[in-house]
Structure formats: C-alpha cells, structure tokens
Amino acid sequence: MTDRHLFLTATTIAQYVAQIVEKHLAPVGLPVHLLALTTHIRDHQPTSPSAISAASGIPMTTLRDKIERLVAQGIARRVPNPDDRRSYLVTLTTKGEVLLRAADPALLEAYLALERNLDRPLEDYQRELDELAAALREALAIDAQAASVDAAASTQ
C-alpha cells in the first residue's frame, strides 16, 4: 500500500492553518471559511464564478452556495456579466472591502506567529506548497480527463 503520509500531513496542516487564522480573524468578524473566497474576489474583481473556481479549487456546486452566503451577508454582490448575459460576475461590497482590510493586520500577526517557529524562510515553504498545489491540480485534471474518456467509451 502507498504511504499516505503526504495526504494525512496536508489535511493536518489545513486544520492548523484554519485554527491559527480563526484565532487571529475572530475579532475582525470575517469567518475563516470565507477568507480565501473573499480574497480571490478582491484580487480579481469583477470576476466570474468559473474563474474563482479555477483559482481557488472550489467546485462550482460548492462555490454557488458560498457566493450566496457572501451575498446574503452583504459581503459580495452579483453584477451582470457584460460579455455573457446568462451569467454574472462577483464583486465585493464596501462591507467586504472593509472586512478584508481589517483582516490584513490580523493575518500578518498569524504569519508572524508562524514565521517565528520556522527553520527556513517562509518563501521556501510557499514555493514547495505551490509545487504541491500544481501537482494536485494536474492530477485532478488527469483524473477528470480519464473519467470523460471512460464515460464516452461506455456510451459507444
């Protein structure tokens, strides 16, 4: 059996990241589970749900629900897509912009807390995580491609 250490460690790391970010973001009022999504929207707005999905790895079905939550909380809004009337773009509201600006110093504190405990520069770890994320995206793309080939073969 293949060693599962990488996936188990990655899952554990995700839990630790959520905990340290939650600890520092709690006073700001931005839920940790919406931080990455609001950041993707801010950095690319106005942006389409499909572009957010590609950048964040969030499946479209899950993303629709998360966008709905942001809209309901007044953090984001949907605007008509000028290039495709059937779809929409997402932007942050003033409330969303204010929350993210308030989150910046809190996140800096979380990063500093982490950096104090690292043996190497943070950039070294970030580079390795970027490589791992790219490999995982590629593996998912290969799996999706194989599944569509299998589906096409089964209909013939």
Protein backbone atom coordinates (compact mmCIF):
# COMPACT_ATOMS: atom_id res chain seq x y z
CA MET A 1 0.00 0.00 0.00
CA THR A 2 1.17 3.50 -0.81
CA ASP A 3 2.32 5.66 2.07
CA ARG A 4 -0.47 8.12 2.94
CA HIS A 5 1.75 10.44 4.95
CA LEU A 6 1.59 13.35 2.48
CA PHE A 7 -2.22 13.48 2.37
CA LEU A 8 -2.55 13.00 6.12
CA THR A 9 0.00 15.72 6.81
CA ALA A 10 -1.64 18.09 4.31
CA THR A 11 -5.00 17.55 5.97
CA THR A 12 -3.49 18.17 9.39
CA ILE A 13 -1.76 21.32 8.12
CA ALA A 14 -5.08 22.58 6.75
CA GLN A 15 -6.60 22.15 10.22
CA TYR A 16 -3.75 24.02 11.89
CA VAL A 17 -3.94 26.83 9.34
CA ALA A 18 -7.68 27.17 9.94
CA GLN A 19 -7.11 27.31 13.70
CA ILE A 20 -4.39 29.97 13.63
CA VAL A 21 -6.26 32.09 11.09
CA GLU A 22 -9.50 31.72 13.07
CA LYS A 23 -7.71 32.80 16.25
CA HIS A 24 -6.43 35.96 14.59
CA LEU A 25 -9.53 36.71 12.49
CA ALA A 26 -12.18 36.22 15.19
CA PRO A 27 -12.06 39.86 16.33
CA VAL A 28 -12.45 41.05 12.71
CA GLY A 29 -15.72 39.20 12.12
CA LEU A 30 -14.76 37.53 8.85
CA PRO A 31 -15.41 33.77 9.00
CA VAL A 32 -12.25 31.84 8.24
CA HIS A 33 -14.09 29.60 5.76
CA LEU A 34 -14.87 32.67 3.63
CA LEU A 35 -11.43 34.31 3.79
CA ALA A 36 -9.89 32.66 0.73
CA LEU A 37 -13.01 33.20 -1.36
CA THR A 38 -13.32 36.89 -0.46
CA THR A 39 -9.61 37.33 -1.14
CA HIS A 40 -9.93 35.72 -4.59
CA ILE A 41 -12.87 38.01 -5.37
CA ARG A 42 -10.99 41.11 -4.18
CA ASP A 43 -7.87 40.27 -6.14
CA HIS A 44 -9.70 39.58 -9.43
CA GLN A 45 -12.93 41.59 -9.27
CA PRO A 46 -15.13 41.74 -11.11
CA THR A 47 -14.70 38.02 -11.62
CA SER A 48 -16.77 35.10 -12.78
CA PRO A 49 -17.61 32.09 -10.61
CA SER A 50 -15.72 29.85 -13.07
CA ALA A 51 -12.57 32.00 -12.71
CA ILE A 52 -12.89 31.85 -8.91
CA SER A 53 -13.33 28.08 -9.10
CA ALA A 54 -10.21 27.71 -11.26
CA ALA A 55 -8.12 29.94 -8.96
CA SER A 56 -9.36 28.50 -5.67
CA GLY A 57 -10.04 24.85 -6.45
CA ILE A 58 -13.58 25.19 -5.06
CA PRO A 59 -16.00 23.05 -7.12
CA MET A 60 -18.70 25.11 -8.88
CA THR A 61 -21.53 23.46 -6.94
CA THR A 62 -19.93 24.39 -3.61
CA LEU A 63 -18.93 27.81 -4.90
CA ARG A 64 -22.51 28.80 -5.77
CA ASP A 65 -23.55 28.20 -2.16
CA LYS A 66 -20.56 30.14 -0.80
CA ILE A 67 -21.25 33.10 -3.11
CA GLU A 68 -24.87 33.03 -1.99
CA ARG A 69 -23.69 33.24 1.64
CA LEU A 70 -21.44 36.20 0.84
CA VAL A 71 -24.30 37.98 -0.94
CA ALA A 72 -26.74 37.25 1.91
CA GLN A 73 -24.23 38.64 4.44
CA GLY A 74 -23.68 41.78 2.35
CA ILE A 75 -20.00 40.95 1.75
CA ALA A 76 -20.29 40.47 -2.03
CA ARG A 77 -22.72 41.23 -4.81
CA ARG A 78 -23.54 39.77 -8.19
CA VAL A 79 -23.35 42.09 -11.18
CA PRO A 80 -24.41 41.35 -14.76
CA ASN A 81 -21.67 39.94 -16.96
CA PRO A 82 -21.38 42.34 -19.92
CA ASP A 83 -19.85 39.57 -22.07
CA ASP A 84 -22.47 36.90 -21.29
CA ARG A 85 -25.97 37.90 -20.26
CA ARG A 86 -26.65 34.37 -18.97
CA SER A 87 -24.01 34.67 -16.26
CA TYR A 88 -22.86 37.12 -13.63
CA LEU A 89 -19.68 38.49 -12.11
CA VAL A 90 -18.90 38.83 -8.43
CA THR A 91 -17.51 41.89 -6.67
CA LEU A 92 -17.04 42.81 -3.03
CA THR A 93 -19.32 45.32 -1.38
CA THR A 94 -17.96 48.13 0.76
CA LYS A 95 -18.57 45.87 3.77
CA GLY A 96 -16.49 43.11 2.14
CA GLU A 97 -13.66 45.53 1.33
CA VAL A 98 -13.68 46.86 4.91
CA LEU A 99 -13.63 43.33 6.37
CA LEU A 100 -10.65 42.31 4.23
CA ARG A 101 -8.73 45.49 5.06
CA ALA A 102 -9.36 44.76 8.74
CA ALA A 103 -8.22 41.17 8.19
CA ASP A 104 -4.83 42.21 6.77
CA PRO A 105 -3.17 43.10 10.11
CA ALA A 106 -4.75 40.04 11.75
CA LEU A 107 -3.33 37.81 9.03
CA LEU A 108 0.05 39.48 9.34
CA GLU A 109 0.05 38.51 13.03
CA ALA A 110 -0.80 34.93 12.09
CA TYR A 111 2.08 34.87 9.59
CA LEU A 112 4.49 36.34 12.13
CA ALA A 113 3.45 33.74 14.70
CA LEU A 114 4.19 31.03 12.16
CA GLU A 115 7.47 32.54 10.95
CA ARG A 116 8.84 32.66 14.49
CA ASN A 117 8.67 28.86 14.50
CA LEU A 118 10.08 28.08 11.05
CA ASP A 119 13.58 26.76 10.46
CA ARG A 120 13.76 28.28 6.97
CA PRO A 121 12.35 31.40 5.31
CA LEU A 122 8.59 31.34 4.73
CA GLU A 123 9.20 31.69 0.98
CA ASP A 124 10.87 28.26 0.90
CA TYR A 125 7.74 26.63 2.26
CA GLN A 126 5.49 28.67 0.00
CA ARG A 127 7.45 27.55 -3.08
CA GLU A 128 7.09 23.90 -2.06
CA LEU A 129 3.38 24.30 -1.37
CA ASP A 130 2.90 25.98 -4.77
CA GLU A 131 4.60 23.00 -6.43
CA LEU A 132 2.42 20.57 -4.50
CA ALA A 133 -0.74 22.52 -5.39
CA ALA A 134 0.23 22.47 -9.09
CA ALA A 135 0.84 18.72 -8.98
CA LEU A 136 -2.53 18.14 -7.29
CA ARG A 137 -4.32 20.32 -9.88
CA GLU A 138 -2.64 18.32 -12.64
CA ALA A 139 -3.61 15.02 -11.01
CA LEU A 140 -7.22 16.19 -10.78
CA ALA A 141 -7.18 17.29 -14.41
CA ILE A 142 -5.81 13.90 -15.48
CA ASP A 143 -8.46 12.11 -13.40
CA ALA A 144 -11.23 14.26 -14.91
CA GLN A 145 -9.89 13.64 -18.41
CA ALA A 146 -9.75 9.87 -17.82
CA ALA A 147 -13.30 9.89 -16.45
CA SER A 148 -14.63 11.69 -19.52
CA VAL A 149 -12.85 9.21 -21.80
CA ASP A 150 -14.33 6.31 -19.82
CA ALA A 151 -17.79 7.88 -20.00
CA ALA A 152 -17.51 8.39 -23.75
CA ALA A 153 -16.33 4.79 -24.23
CA SER A 154 -19.23 3.40 -22.22
CA THR A 155 -21.78 5.17 -24.44
CA GLN A 156 -20.42 3.64 -27.63
